[in-house]
Amino acid sequence: MKLAKSTLFTLLTLLVVALSSCGNNGSSSNASSAPSSEAPPSASGAGPSAGDASASAQAGGTIRLGLVGGGMTPMIAQIGISDGSYEKAGIKIEEKDFTAGADMVQALVGGSLDVVLGSYEHVLRQQQNGLSVKAYGEIFNGVGYSLIVKNDAPYQSLADLKGKTLAVTKVGSLSDTGLREGLTQAGLDPEKDVKLINGGSGATMLAAIESGQAAGGMVSEPTISQMLATGNYRVLYDPPFDFAGIVVMAKTDWVEKHQDLMKQFLKVSSEINARAQQDPASAVGALQKVFDKIPADVLKTAVSNNLPKVPEGLKVTEAGADYVQKTQMDQGILKKEIPFDQAVDLTLLP
């Protein structure tokens, strides 16, 4: 049975509040929920052994880390910050969240960040600009965004969206790249057959879809699971291809000076992934500190959806890197192909 209008309005109002809180969490609560480097040891006394402490003293230090907030594609790092894994290994994370990958990478190039978690396309663009930025690992293989429409929308495929307005987080962002590729595969010209607008994330994206301003919008976890749980929305398109979506990137001169620190960061990240794959519930517990307005059962679904997309050994695959490069070439952003070994260095992975 269809919900009465008043009930539906109440549900949507609650959803907007929840999603708005989630989006805000991505930019503010993340940093505050990260364990302080001065936090006392746990009551159980758990912590690095004497040998581990010695290793941490050699490889430890501070990393100014950038990531796009509001979503779960950088999940491995979010878990490690929340549960203290990096801190226990002697790494102090100074987290800074952004609403768009392009702005984040500019901060990296400008020197206000050391390491960035973002799409491989940014590595390629910086390489083309003559800047020595490389990918040293990968924590999410995929676009990380799906096109969400109202449950009662008449569209059954991307081909049905000709002439419609669609929302991405920001034109030129990863969500934009993923949607353009899907539209192209469906036989549509993203420049002529649809109109792409900036929809932001969380409550603003929901409002664009619900109001009809956009026929659909590109959304990431855990917002996807939150919206689907209401029964009012469905996924129209989930990009199916390998795609180096979230890589660990840094300028090579910084890595040369902090090689042990980068090795330690990658090692701890790999250990976090191994634990999460073995015990997803532990990941949910850590992420509840980041997404504290998302119900535990919804967050569990979101974690289950994301874990399979963390590549084995945190390795950037040539297939995923090549697909990113293809999209950049197709869009005319890259003028020539950049060799894999010029843009990727996997020698620091454990």
Protein backbone atom coordinates (compact mmCIF):
# COMPACT_ATOMS: atom_id res chain seq x y z
CA MET A 1 0.00 0.00 0.00
CA LYS A 2 1.14 3.51 -0.72
CA LEU A 3 1.94 5.64 2.27
CA ALA A 4 -0.33 8.56 3.02
CA LYS A 5 1.16 11.85 1.90
CA SER A 6 1.64 13.04 5.47
CA THR A 7 3.50 9.86 6.42
CA LEU A 8 5.68 10.00 3.32
CA PHE A 9 6.48 13.63 4.03
CA THR A 10 7.50 12.72 7.59
CA LEU A 11 9.76 9.91 6.35
CA LEU A 12 11.40 12.16 3.79
CA THR A 13 11.92 14.86 6.40
CA LEU A 14 13.65 12.37 8.68
CA LEU A 15 15.76 11.11 5.78
CA VAL A 16 16.86 14.64 4.89
CA VAL A 17 17.90 15.22 8.50
CA ALA A 18 19.81 11.92 8.59
CA LEU A 19 21.55 12.49 5.27
CA SER A 20 22.36 16.08 6.14
CA SER A 21 23.96 14.88 9.35
CA CYS A 22 25.87 12.26 7.37
CA GLY A 23 27.15 14.86 4.95
CA ASN A 24 28.18 17.18 7.74
CA ASN A 25 29.88 14.27 9.45
CA GLY A 26 32.06 13.86 6.41
CA SER A 27 33.50 17.33 6.82
CA SER A 28 33.55 17.94 10.53
CA SER A 29 32.81 14.97 12.77
CA ASN A 30 35.43 12.82 11.05
CA ALA A 31 38.24 14.93 12.32
CA SER A 32 36.79 15.23 15.80
CA SER A 33 36.18 11.49 16.04
CA ALA A 34 39.75 10.65 15.11
CA PRO A 35 41.65 9.54 18.20
CA SER A 36 43.96 12.11 19.68
CA SER A 37 47.64 11.26 19.61
CA GLU A 38 47.66 12.12 23.31
CA ALA A 39 44.84 9.73 24.20
CA PRO A 40 45.66 7.42 27.13
CA PRO A 41 46.06 3.69 26.54
CA SER A 42 42.97 1.51 26.81
CA ALA A 43 42.06 -0.03 30.12
CA SER A 44 42.99 -3.44 28.80
CA GLY A 45 46.52 -2.21 28.18
CA ALA A 46 46.30 -3.26 24.53
CA GLY A 47 48.80 -1.51 22.34
CA PRO A 48 52.02 -1.98 20.42
CA SER A 49 54.58 -4.35 21.90
CA ALA A 50 58.08 -3.11 22.70
CA GLY A 51 59.26 -4.33 19.31
CA ASP A 52 56.33 -2.65 17.58
CA ALA A 53 57.00 0.56 19.47
CA SER A 54 60.59 0.55 18.24
CA ALA A 55 59.42 0.09 14.66
CA SER A 56 56.85 2.87 15.09
CA ALA A 57 59.52 5.22 16.40
CA GLN A 58 61.52 4.65 13.24
CA ALA A 59 58.65 4.85 10.76
CA GLY A 60 56.17 7.02 12.67
CA GLY A 61 55.34 10.63 12.05
CA THR A 62 52.55 12.91 10.95
CA ILE A 63 50.60 12.61 7.69
CA ARG A 64 48.38 15.44 6.54
CA LEU A 65 45.72 13.32 4.85
CA GLY A 66 43.06 14.51 2.42
CA LEU A 67 39.87 12.67 1.53
CA VAL A 68 36.44 13.46 0.15
CA GLY A 69 34.01 13.42 3.07
CA GLY A 70 30.39 12.33 3.27
CA GLY A 71 30.92 8.92 1.65
CA MET A 72 32.53 5.57 2.37
CA THR A 73 34.90 5.02 -0.56
CA PRO A 74 37.90 5.88 1.69
CA MET A 75 36.49 3.36 4.20
CA ILE A 76 39.82 1.70 5.06
CA ALA A 77 41.35 4.98 6.19
CA GLN A 78 38.15 5.99 8.00
CA ILE A 79 38.26 2.75 10.01
CA GLY A 80 41.93 3.19 10.86
CA ILE A 81 41.44 6.75 12.04
CA SER A 82 38.38 5.89 14.11
CA ASP A 83 39.69 2.73 15.79
CA GLY A 84 43.17 4.14 16.45
CA SER A 85 45.07 1.72 14.20
CA TYR A 86 47.28 4.41 12.69
CA GLU A 87 47.93 6.01 16.05
CA LYS A 88 48.98 2.70 17.59
CA ALA A 89 51.47 2.30 14.75
CA GLY A 90 53.02 5.67 15.53
CA ILE A 91 51.28 7.60 12.75
CA LYS A 92 49.45 10.79 13.61
CA ILE A 93 46.80 11.52 10.99
CA GLU A 94 45.82 15.14 10.45
CA GLU A 95 42.65 14.63 8.44
CA LYS A 96 41.15 17.23 6.15
CA ASP A 97 37.89 16.53 4.33
CA PHE A 98 36.84 18.03 1.01
CA THR A 99 33.63 18.11 -1.00
CA ALA A 100 35.41 17.61 -4.33
CA GLY A 101 38.50 15.68 -5.41
CA ALA A 102 39.83 18.48 -7.61
CA ASP A 103 40.04 20.89 -4.67
CA MET A 104 41.73 18.23 -2.57
CA VAL A 105 44.40 17.53 -5.18
CA GLN A 106 45.09 21.25 -5.50
CA ALA A 107 45.87 21.24 -1.78
CA LEU A 108 48.27 18.35 -2.34
CA VAL A 109 50.02 20.15 -5.19
CA GLY A 110 50.13 23.33 -3.14
CA GLY A 111 51.87 21.56 -0.27
CA SER A 112 49.21 21.72 2.44
CA LEU A 113 48.59 17.95 2.26
CA ASP A 114 51.03 15.02 2.21
CA VAL A 115 48.84 12.14 1.06
CA VAL A 116 45.50 12.19 -0.74
CA LEU A 117 42.86 9.48 -1.19
CA GLY A 118 41.21 10.15 -4.54
CA SER A 119 40.59 8.96 -8.07
CA TYR A 120 43.49 7.86 -10.26
CA GLU A 121 42.33 10.38 -12.86
CA HIS A 122 43.90 13.09 -10.70
CA VAL A 123 47.26 11.32 -10.84
CA LEU A 124 47.05 11.25 -14.63
CA ARG A 125 46.08 14.92 -14.84
CA GLN A 126 48.97 15.98 -12.63
CA GLN A 127 51.38 13.82 -14.62
CA GLN A 128 50.19 15.53 -17.79
CA ASN A 129 50.83 18.89 -16.12
CA GLY A 130 54.43 17.84 -15.52
CA LEU A 131 53.99 17.28 -11.78
CA SER A 132 55.43 14.15 -10.20
CA VAL A 133 52.40 12.73 -8.41
CA LYS A 134 52.06 8.95 -8.22
CA ALA A 135 49.67 6.31 -6.90
CA TYR A 136 51.23 4.06 -4.24
CA GLY A 137 48.25 1.83 -3.50
CA GLU A 138 44.49 1.57 -3.90
CA ILE A 139 41.73 1.24 -1.32
CA PHE A 140 38.65 1.19 -3.57
CA ASN A 141 38.27 -0.36 -7.01
CA GLY A 142 35.22 1.19 -8.65
CA VAL A 143 33.50 4.50 -9.24
CA GLY A 144 31.84 4.39 -5.84
CA TYR A 145 28.69 6.19 -6.99
CA SER A 146 25.40 4.82 -8.32
CA LEU A 147 22.60 6.63 -10.12
CA ILE A 148 19.55 6.74 -7.84
CA VAL A 149 16.03 7.50 -9.08
CA LYS A 150 12.60 7.53 -7.47
CA ASN A 151 11.10 4.07 -7.15
CA ASP A 152 8.12 5.03 -9.29
CA ALA A 153 10.19 6.71 -12.03
CA PRO A 154 9.49 5.34 -15.52
CA TYR A 155 13.17 4.92 -16.44
CA GLN A 156 14.46 1.36 -16.78
CA SER A 157 17.91 2.08 -18.25
CA LEU A 158 20.28 4.95 -18.94
CA ALA A 159 19.01 5.06 -22.52
CA ASP A 160 15.62 6.21 -21.15
CA LEU A 161 17.20 9.38 -19.75
CA LYS A 162 17.67 11.19 -23.04
CA GLY A 163 16.68 14.83 -22.61
CA LYS A 164 16.68 14.61 -18.81
CA THR A 165 18.62 16.51 -16.17
CA LEU A 166 20.92 14.40 -13.98
CA ALA A 167 22.81 15.40 -10.85
CA VAL A 168 26.43 14.57 -10.04
CA THR A 169 28.26 15.67 -6.91
CA LYS A 170 30.22 18.17 -9.00
CA VAL A 171 30.76 18.37 -12.73
CA GLY A 172 34.28 17.10 -13.43
CA SER A 173 34.30 14.89 -10.33
CA LEU A 174 34.54 11.10 -10.07
CA SER A 175 30.75 10.76 -9.99
CA ASP A 176 30.60 12.79 -13.19
CA THR A 177 33.24 10.62 -14.89
CA GLY A 178 31.41 7.40 -13.95
CA LEU A 179 28.05 8.64 -15.18
CA ARG A 180 29.45 9.98 -18.45
CA GLU A 181 31.02 6.60 -19.18
CA GLY A 182 27.74 4.83 -18.53
CA LEU A 183 25.79 7.23 -20.72
CA THR A 184 28.30 6.78 -23.53
CA GLN A 185 28.00 2.99 -23.29
CA ALA A 186 24.23 3.40 -23.47
CA GLY A 187 24.56 5.30 -26.75
CA LEU A 188 23.96 8.78 -25.35
CA ASP A 189 26.16 11.85 -25.74
CA PRO A 190 26.71 13.28 -22.22
CA GLU A 191 27.24 16.73 -23.72
CA LYS A 192 24.12 16.81 -25.88
CA ASP A 193 21.60 14.20 -24.80
CA VAL A 194 21.39 15.03 -21.09
CA LYS A 195 22.03 17.99 -18.82
CA LEU A 196 24.45 17.40 -15.94
CA ILE A 197 24.20 19.64 -12.87
CA ASN A 198 26.00 19.92 -9.52
CA GLY A 199 23.91 18.15 -6.89
CA GLY A 200 26.32 17.98 -4.00
CA SER A 201 25.77 15.11 -1.58
CA GLY A 202 23.49 14.05 1.25
CA ALA A 203 20.47 16.30 1.76
CA THR A 204 21.15 18.53 -1.25
CA MET A 205 21.33 15.58 -3.62
CA LEU A 206 18.18 14.09 -2.09
CA ALA A 207 16.36 17.39 -2.55
CA ALA A 208 17.38 17.57 -6.22
CA ILE A 209 15.95 14.09 -6.87
CA GLU A 210 12.85 14.41 -4.70
CA SER A 211 11.87 17.83 -6.09
CA GLY A 212 12.23 16.67 -9.68
CA GLN A 213 15.04 19.11 -10.37
CA ALA A 214 16.99 16.03 -11.45
CA ALA A 215 15.60 12.78 -12.83
CA GLY A 216 18.33 10.97 -10.90
CA GLY A 217 21.50 11.62 -8.96
CA MET A 218 24.88 9.98 -8.37
CA VAL A 219 25.06 8.87 -4.74
CA SER A 220 27.68 6.99 -2.68
CA GLU A 221 27.47 4.75 0.38
CA PRO A 222 26.16 4.91 3.04
CA THR A 223 23.62 7.32 1.52
CA ILE A 224 22.67 4.69 -1.09
CA SER A 225 21.68 2.17 1.57
CA GLN A 226 19.94 4.89 3.59
CA MET A 227 17.79 5.95 0.62
CA LEU A 228 16.98 2.39 -0.49
CA ALA A 229 15.89 1.49 3.05
CA THR A 230 12.96 3.93 2.77
CA GLY A 231 11.53 2.00 -0.18
CA ASN A 232 11.13 5.24 -2.12
CA TYR A 233 14.25 4.95 -4.29
CA ARG A 234 16.10 2.42 -6.42
CA VAL A 235 19.42 2.07 -8.23
CA LEU A 236 19.12 2.63 -11.98
CA TYR A 237 22.81 2.34 -12.79
CA ASP A 238 25.78 0.98 -10.85
CA PRO A 239 29.02 1.31 -12.87
CA PRO A 240 30.19 -2.32 -13.37
CA PHE A 241 33.73 -1.81 -14.63
CA ASP A 242 37.13 -1.99 -12.93
CA PHE A 243 38.12 1.55 -12.09
CA ALA A 244 40.98 2.84 -9.95
CA GLY A 245 38.53 4.88 -7.92
CA ILE A 246 40.39 5.68 -4.69
CA VAL A 247 44.17 5.47 -4.79
CA VAL A 248 46.76 6.54 -2.24
CA MET A 249 48.56 9.37 -4.02
CA ALA A 250 51.39 11.68 -3.07
CA LYS A 251 54.11 13.77 -4.61
CA THR A 252 57.23 11.72 -5.23
CA ASP A 253 59.55 14.20 -3.50
CA TRP A 254 57.53 13.88 -0.27
CA VAL A 255 57.63 10.08 -0.50
CA GLU A 256 61.37 10.09 -1.09
CA LYS A 257 61.82 12.00 2.17
CA HIS A 258 59.26 9.93 4.11
CA GLN A 259 59.57 6.49 2.57
CA ASP A 260 59.37 4.59 5.88
CA LEU A 261 56.32 6.58 6.93
CA MET A 262 54.52 5.83 3.66
CA LYS A 263 55.44 2.14 3.98
CA GLN A 264 54.02 2.09 7.49
CA PHE A 265 50.82 3.84 6.39
CA LEU A 266 50.30 1.30 3.60
CA LYS A 267 51.14 -1.63 5.91
CA VAL A 268 48.64 -0.53 8.54
CA SER A 269 46.00 0.13 5.87
CA SER A 270 46.51 -3.39 4.54
CA GLU A 271 46.13 -4.83 8.04
CA ILE A 272 42.92 -2.83 8.55
CA ASN A 273 41.51 -4.27 5.34
CA ALA A 274 42.42 -7.83 6.37
CA ARG A 275 40.64 -7.40 9.71
CA ALA A 276 37.57 -5.83 8.11
CA GLN A 277 37.29 -8.59 5.50
CA GLN A 278 37.48 -11.22 8.24
CA ASP A 279 35.21 -9.38 10.67
CA PRO A 280 32.90 -6.86 8.95
CA ALA A 281 31.17 -6.13 12.27
CA SER A 282 34.37 -4.54 13.57
CA ALA A 283 34.35 -2.19 10.57
CA VAL A 284 30.75 -1.24 11.27
CA GLY A 285 31.62 -0.42 14.87
CA ALA A 286 34.47 1.87 13.83
CA LEU A 287 32.47 3.57 11.09
CA GLN A 288 29.58 4.34 13.45
CA LYS A 289 31.86 7.00 14.92
CA VAL A 290 32.09 8.60 11.49
CA PHE A 291 28.48 8.14 10.34
CA ASP A 292 26.76 8.45 13.69
CA LYS A 293 23.36 9.34 12.21
CA ILE A 294 23.17 6.19 10.08
CA PRO A 295 21.37 3.22 11.71
CA ALA A 296 23.63 0.26 12.42
CA ASP A 297 21.72 -2.12 10.13
CA VAL A 298 21.93 0.32 7.21
CA LEU A 299 25.62 0.87 7.86
CA LYS A 300 26.16 -2.90 7.93
CA THR A 301 24.63 -3.14 4.45
CA ALA A 302 26.82 -0.30 3.21
CA VAL A 303 29.97 -1.94 4.59
CA SER A 304 29.00 -5.28 2.98
CA ASN A 305 28.60 -3.49 -0.36
CA ASN A 306 31.97 -1.74 -0.13
CA LEU A 307 34.28 -4.43 1.26
CA PRO A 308 34.41 -6.51 -1.96
CA LYS A 309 35.65 -3.43 -3.79
CA VAL A 310 38.84 -3.11 -1.76
CA PRO A 311 41.51 -4.65 -4.02
CA GLU A 312 43.61 -7.55 -2.75
CA GLY A 313 46.92 -6.33 -1.36
CA LEU A 314 45.78 -2.74 -1.98
CA LYS A 315 47.29 -3.04 -5.45
CA VAL A 316 46.38 -0.73 -8.30
CA THR A 317 45.55 -3.03 -11.21
CA GLU A 318 46.51 -2.16 -14.75
CA ALA A 319 42.95 -2.96 -15.84
CA GLY A 320 41.52 -0.41 -13.39
CA ALA A 321 44.14 2.19 -14.25
CA ASP A 322 43.64 1.68 -17.97
CA TYR A 323 39.89 2.18 -17.67
CA VAL A 324 40.40 5.48 -15.88
CA GLN A 325 42.84 6.54 -18.59
CA LYS A 326 40.32 5.56 -21.27
CA THR A 327 37.64 7.81 -19.78
CA GLN A 328 40.09 10.71 -19.60
CA MET A 329 41.18 10.19 -23.21
CA ASP A 330 37.57 9.88 -24.40
CA GLN A 331 36.67 13.15 -22.69
CA GLY A 332 39.67 14.91 -24.22
CA ILE A 333 41.19 15.67 -20.83
CA LEU A 334 44.34 13.63 -21.50
CA LYS A 335 46.19 14.44 -24.69
CA LYS A 336 48.31 11.28 -24.70
CA GLU A 337 48.52 8.04 -22.76
CA ILE A 338 50.66 7.92 -19.64
CA PRO A 339 52.46 4.59 -18.99
CA PHE A 340 51.34 2.66 -15.92
CA ASP A 341 54.83 2.50 -14.42
CA GLN A 342 55.22 6.25 -14.80
CA ALA A 343 52.17 6.98 -12.67
CA VAL A 344 52.11 4.00 -10.26
CA ASP A 345 54.67 2.76 -7.73
CA LEU A 346 53.68 -0.37 -5.81
CA THR A 347 57.10 -1.09 -4.33
CA LEU A 348 56.16 0.31 -0.89
CA LEU A 349 53.23 -2.03 -0.38
CA PRO A 350 53.77 -4.80 2.22
